[in-house]
Amino acid sequence: MNQTFLISGMNCGSCKANVENSINSHEHVIEAVVDFEKKELIVSSKKHLELATFQKLLNSKYTISIKNHQGNSKSNETLVLEEKSKLHQLKPLLLIILYITTACILLHYNNWSWDKFMLDFMGLFFIVFSFFKMLDLNGFAQSFKMYDPLAKRIPVYGWIYPFIETTLGLMFLIRYEINVALIITLIILLITTIGVTKTLLAKKSIQCACLGTALKLPMTEATFIENAIMIVMAILILGGV
């Protein structure tokens, strides 16, 4: 028999695989398939299985609920997922950008230069963001290919992307081949921004991979703005060189 459930707590392709593998481990389950975009779990089994049975098979980060005929969810009484506001979810991202901005202002407070400020901002931005991505390279690569056009076509790109960011960050901070670094920055961020824009327009609910998987960030307009700021800075600096 087939049963359909709604499942929350999934943020990337690795989560999808974990859920499917966990449910498929049950002796009476024939096949379990997750529709990541719809956040649905479809289970084909030899007999009817209770909701609690599936929940026990899953990691505590995932919450499974019954899907009714109207497509809404009836939450499992023992596990309640509270949806956080976008602002609260984006707090880590906003704090990091605030700290980077403050650091750059302090560095150039006595001898202000917009070009130097932007170069240091971009350098610190890439270094800090690449650090979080490298905490879980596999998880980042899986999340990144959910929306980045190039990572979708060439999966290895997701693995090397954090190293590209680190290299660019160092190039900006030590002022090495700035023009080259700016051009590469424009290329990779324009590609990613195309994917982000398509995701936002399609109103898909997926995880933003900008800070890897260590911090669970939703894909929102803030992701687009974050990329846009870097793109504008790169264009301004190129135009002034």
Protein backbone atom coordinates (compact mmCIF):
# COMPACT_ATOMS: atom_id res chain seq x y z
CA MET A 1 0.00 0.00 0.00
CA ASN A 2 1.04 3.61 -0.55
CA GLN A 3 1.13 6.33 2.11
CA THR A 4 1.98 10.00 1.63
CA PHE A 5 3.37 12.21 4.37
CA LEU A 6 4.68 15.75 4.70
CA ILE A 7 8.18 16.03 6.12
CA SER A 8 10.03 19.06 7.49
CA GLY A 9 13.64 19.63 8.49
CA MET A 10 15.18 18.82 5.12
CA ASN A 11 17.61 21.44 3.81
CA CYS A 12 19.63 19.77 1.07
CA GLY A 13 20.13 16.72 -1.10
CA SER A 14 21.93 14.91 1.72
CA CYS A 15 18.84 15.28 3.92
CA LYS A 16 16.68 13.79 1.16
CA ALA A 17 19.03 10.80 0.87
CA ASN A 18 19.14 10.33 4.67
CA VAL A 19 15.35 10.27 4.93
CA GLU A 20 14.96 7.81 2.06
CA ASN A 21 17.67 5.49 3.39
CA SER A 22 16.23 5.56 6.92
CA ILE A 23 12.68 4.72 5.83
CA ASN A 24 13.86 2.09 3.34
CA SER A 25 15.66 0.30 6.17
CA HIS A 26 12.33 -0.91 7.61
CA GLU A 27 11.59 -4.53 6.76
CA HIS A 28 8.04 -3.85 5.58
CA VAL A 29 8.92 -0.88 3.37
CA ILE A 30 9.15 -1.67 -0.34
CA GLU A 31 10.25 1.79 -1.46
CA ALA A 32 10.41 5.28 0.06
CA VAL A 33 10.78 8.31 -2.19
CA VAL A 34 11.13 11.96 -1.15
CA ASP A 35 9.86 14.82 -3.30
CA PHE A 36 12.22 17.54 -2.06
CA GLU A 37 10.35 20.48 -3.61
CA LYS A 38 6.96 19.43 -2.22
CA LYS A 39 8.49 18.24 1.07
CA GLU A 40 6.59 14.98 0.67
CA LEU A 41 7.52 11.42 1.58
CA ILE A 42 5.81 8.69 -0.43
CA VAL A 43 6.08 5.20 1.07
CA SER A 44 5.14 1.93 -0.59
CA SER A 45 4.91 -0.83 2.02
CA LYS A 46 3.72 -4.40 2.48
CA LYS A 47 1.21 -3.28 5.11
CA HIS A 48 -0.06 -0.12 6.79
CA LEU A 49 2.53 1.41 9.09
CA GLU A 50 1.82 3.98 11.78
CA LEU A 51 3.20 7.51 11.68
CA ALA A 52 5.16 6.88 14.91
CA THR A 53 6.95 3.97 13.23
CA PHE A 54 8.36 6.22 10.52
CA GLN A 55 9.25 8.97 13.00
CA LYS A 56 11.33 6.53 15.06
CA LEU A 57 13.35 5.63 11.98
CA LEU A 58 14.25 9.26 11.30
CA ASN A 59 16.81 11.58 12.85
CA SER A 60 15.22 13.94 15.38
CA LYS A 61 15.83 16.92 13.06
CA TYR A 62 13.10 15.63 10.73
CA THR A 63 9.41 15.86 11.57
CA ILE A 64 6.89 13.74 9.71
CA SER A 65 3.18 14.53 9.53
CA ILE A 66 0.09 13.15 7.87
CA LYS A 67 -1.05 14.77 4.63
CA ASN A 68 -4.81 15.21 4.48
CA HIS A 69 -6.96 15.53 1.37
CA GLN A 70 -6.67 19.30 1.31
CA GLY A 71 -2.87 19.05 1.11
CA ASN A 72 -2.39 20.46 4.62
CA SER A 73 -0.49 18.77 7.38
CA LYS A 74 -1.67 17.25 10.63
CA SER A 75 1.32 17.56 12.93
CA ASN A 76 2.67 14.69 14.97
CA GLU A 77 1.54 15.43 18.55
CA THR A 78 4.92 14.53 20.03
CA LEU A 79 6.94 16.76 17.74
CA VAL A 80 5.97 20.34 16.91
CA LEU A 81 7.97 22.41 14.46
CA GLU A 82 7.83 26.15 15.10
CA GLU A 83 8.46 28.20 12.01
CA LYS A 84 10.90 31.00 12.67
CA SER A 85 10.62 34.38 11.08
CA LYS A 86 12.86 35.21 8.15
CA LEU A 87 14.63 37.87 10.18
CA HIS A 88 15.46 35.42 12.95
CA GLN A 89 16.66 32.81 10.47
CA LEU A 90 18.85 35.36 8.72
CA LYS A 91 20.35 36.69 11.97
CA PRO A 92 23.71 34.85 11.51
CA LEU A 93 24.10 36.20 7.97
CA LEU A 94 23.24 39.76 8.99
CA LEU A 95 25.61 39.65 11.97
CA ILE A 96 28.49 38.38 9.84
CA ILE A 97 27.97 41.13 7.26
CA LEU A 98 27.75 43.71 10.07
CA TYR A 99 31.03 42.52 11.60
CA ILE A 100 32.80 42.51 8.23
CA THR A 101 31.53 46.00 7.44
CA THR A 102 32.56 47.31 10.87
CA ALA A 103 36.03 45.80 10.57
CA CYS A 104 36.55 47.41 7.15
CA ILE A 105 35.37 50.81 8.40
CA LEU A 106 37.78 50.65 11.35
CA LEU A 107 40.67 49.64 9.07
CA HIS A 108 40.25 52.75 6.93
CA TYR A 109 38.77 55.18 9.44
CA ASN A 110 41.81 57.49 9.55
CA ASN A 111 42.63 57.32 5.85
CA TRP A 112 39.36 56.68 4.05
CA SER A 113 39.35 55.15 0.57
CA TRP A 114 36.25 53.62 -0.97
CA ASP A 115 38.28 51.35 -3.24
CA LYS A 116 40.35 49.97 -0.34
CA PHE A 117 37.23 49.60 1.80
CA MET A 118 35.47 47.59 -0.91
CA LEU A 119 38.52 45.42 -1.61
CA ASP A 120 38.88 44.55 2.08
CA PHE A 121 35.13 43.96 2.40
CA MET A 122 35.19 41.55 -0.54
CA GLY A 123 38.32 39.86 0.75
CA LEU A 124 36.95 39.30 4.25
CA PHE A 125 33.57 38.32 2.83
CA PHE A 126 35.06 35.53 0.73
CA ILE A 127 37.38 34.28 3.49
CA VAL A 128 34.65 34.13 6.14
CA PHE A 129 32.00 32.60 3.89
CA SER A 130 34.41 30.00 2.47
CA PHE A 131 35.31 28.96 6.04
CA PHE A 132 31.71 28.00 6.81
CA LYS A 133 31.39 26.13 3.51
CA MET A 134 34.52 24.08 4.24
CA LEU A 135 33.08 22.83 7.54
CA ASP A 136 30.96 20.45 5.46
CA LEU A 137 32.14 20.33 1.85
CA ASN A 138 29.84 17.47 0.90
CA GLY A 139 26.78 19.10 2.42
CA PHE A 140 27.60 22.42 0.77
CA ALA A 141 28.11 20.82 -2.65
CA GLN A 142 24.74 19.06 -2.37
CA SER A 143 22.93 22.24 -1.33
CA PHE A 144 24.74 24.44 -3.86
CA LYS A 145 23.75 22.34 -6.86
CA MET A 146 20.10 22.75 -5.88
CA TYR A 147 20.18 26.26 -7.34
CA ASP A 148 23.54 27.13 -8.92
CA PRO A 149 23.30 26.48 -12.71
CA LEU A 150 26.96 25.53 -13.14
CA ALA A 151 27.04 23.25 -10.09
CA LYS A 152 23.98 21.46 -11.45
CA ARG A 153 25.78 20.68 -14.70
CA ILE A 154 29.26 20.13 -13.24
CA PRO A 155 28.92 18.72 -9.66
CA VAL A 156 32.67 19.01 -8.97
CA TYR A 157 32.27 22.79 -9.22
CA GLY A 158 30.41 22.71 -5.90
CA TRP A 159 33.41 21.03 -4.28
CA ILE A 160 35.97 23.52 -5.52
CA TYR A 161 33.82 26.64 -5.09
CA PRO A 162 34.89 27.25 -1.44
CA PHE A 163 38.54 27.08 -2.51
CA ILE A 164 37.86 29.59 -5.28
CA GLU A 165 36.34 31.91 -2.67
CA THR A 166 39.37 31.52 -0.37
CA THR A 167 41.75 32.29 -3.23
CA LEU A 168 39.75 35.35 -4.27
CA GLY A 169 39.63 36.56 -0.67
CA LEU A 170 43.41 36.35 -0.34
CA MET A 171 43.92 38.07 -3.69
CA PHE A 172 41.78 41.01 -2.58
CA LEU A 173 43.41 41.30 0.84
CA ILE A 174 47.00 41.21 -0.43
CA ARG A 175 46.10 43.24 -3.55
CA TYR A 176 47.33 40.58 -5.97
CA GLU A 177 46.04 40.62 -9.59
CA ILE A 178 42.96 42.56 -8.52
CA ASN A 179 41.54 42.87 -12.04
CA VAL A 180 41.66 39.10 -12.51
CA ALA A 181 40.04 38.53 -9.12
CA LEU A 182 37.29 41.05 -9.92
CA ILE A 183 36.48 39.44 -13.26
CA ILE A 184 36.32 35.96 -11.71
CA THR A 185 34.13 37.35 -8.93
CA LEU A 186 31.71 38.82 -11.45
CA ILE A 187 31.51 35.56 -13.40
CA ILE A 188 30.85 33.22 -10.45
CA LEU A 189 28.46 35.56 -8.67
CA LEU A 190 26.46 36.34 -11.81
CA ILE A 191 26.03 32.60 -12.40
CA THR A 192 24.90 32.03 -8.82
CA THR A 193 22.61 35.07 -8.87
CA ILE A 194 20.83 33.69 -11.94
CA GLY A 195 20.12 30.51 -10.00
CA VAL A 196 19.03 32.44 -6.90
CA THR A 197 16.68 34.61 -8.97
CA LYS A 198 15.06 31.57 -10.60
CA THR A 199 14.61 29.93 -7.20
CA LEU A 200 13.00 33.03 -5.70
CA LEU A 201 10.68 33.52 -8.68
CA ALA A 202 9.64 29.86 -8.51
CA LYS A 203 9.02 30.33 -4.76
CA LYS A 204 10.92 27.17 -3.94
CA SER A 205 11.73 26.51 -0.31
CA ILE A 206 15.37 25.41 -0.18
CA GLN A 207 18.43 26.10 1.93
CA CYS A 208 20.83 28.86 0.97
CA ALA A 209 24.36 27.45 0.80
CA CYS A 210 26.14 30.79 1.27
CA LEU A 211 27.18 29.80 4.81
CA GLY A 212 27.41 26.09 4.10
CA THR A 213 25.32 23.69 6.18
CA ALA A 214 26.62 24.71 9.61
CA LEU A 215 24.07 27.54 9.74
CA LYS A 216 20.66 26.74 8.29
CA LEU A 217 19.67 29.71 6.18
CA PRO A 218 16.59 29.88 3.94
CA MET A 219 16.85 31.08 0.37
CA THR A 220 15.42 34.62 0.56
CA GLU A 221 15.74 38.02 -1.05
CA ALA A 222 18.68 38.63 1.31
CA THR A 223 20.71 36.09 -0.66
CA PHE A 224 20.07 38.04 -3.86
CA ILE A 225 20.97 41.35 -2.17
CA GLU A 226 24.16 39.84 -0.73
CA ASN A 227 25.32 38.77 -4.20
CA ALA A 228 24.20 42.05 -5.74
CA ILE A 229 26.33 44.07 -3.28
CA MET A 230 29.43 42.10 -4.23
CA ILE A 231 28.68 42.42 -7.95
CA VAL A 232 28.18 46.19 -7.68
CA MET A 233 31.43 46.57 -5.72
CA ALA A 234 33.35 44.58 -8.32
CA ILE A 235 31.92 46.72 -11.14
CA LEU A 236 32.69 49.98 -9.29
CA ILE A 237 36.29 48.97 -8.61
CA LEU A 238 36.83 47.78 -12.18
CA GLY A 239 35.43 51.04 -13.46
CA GLY A 240 37.82 53.02 -11.29
CA VAL A 241 40.98 51.05 -12.12
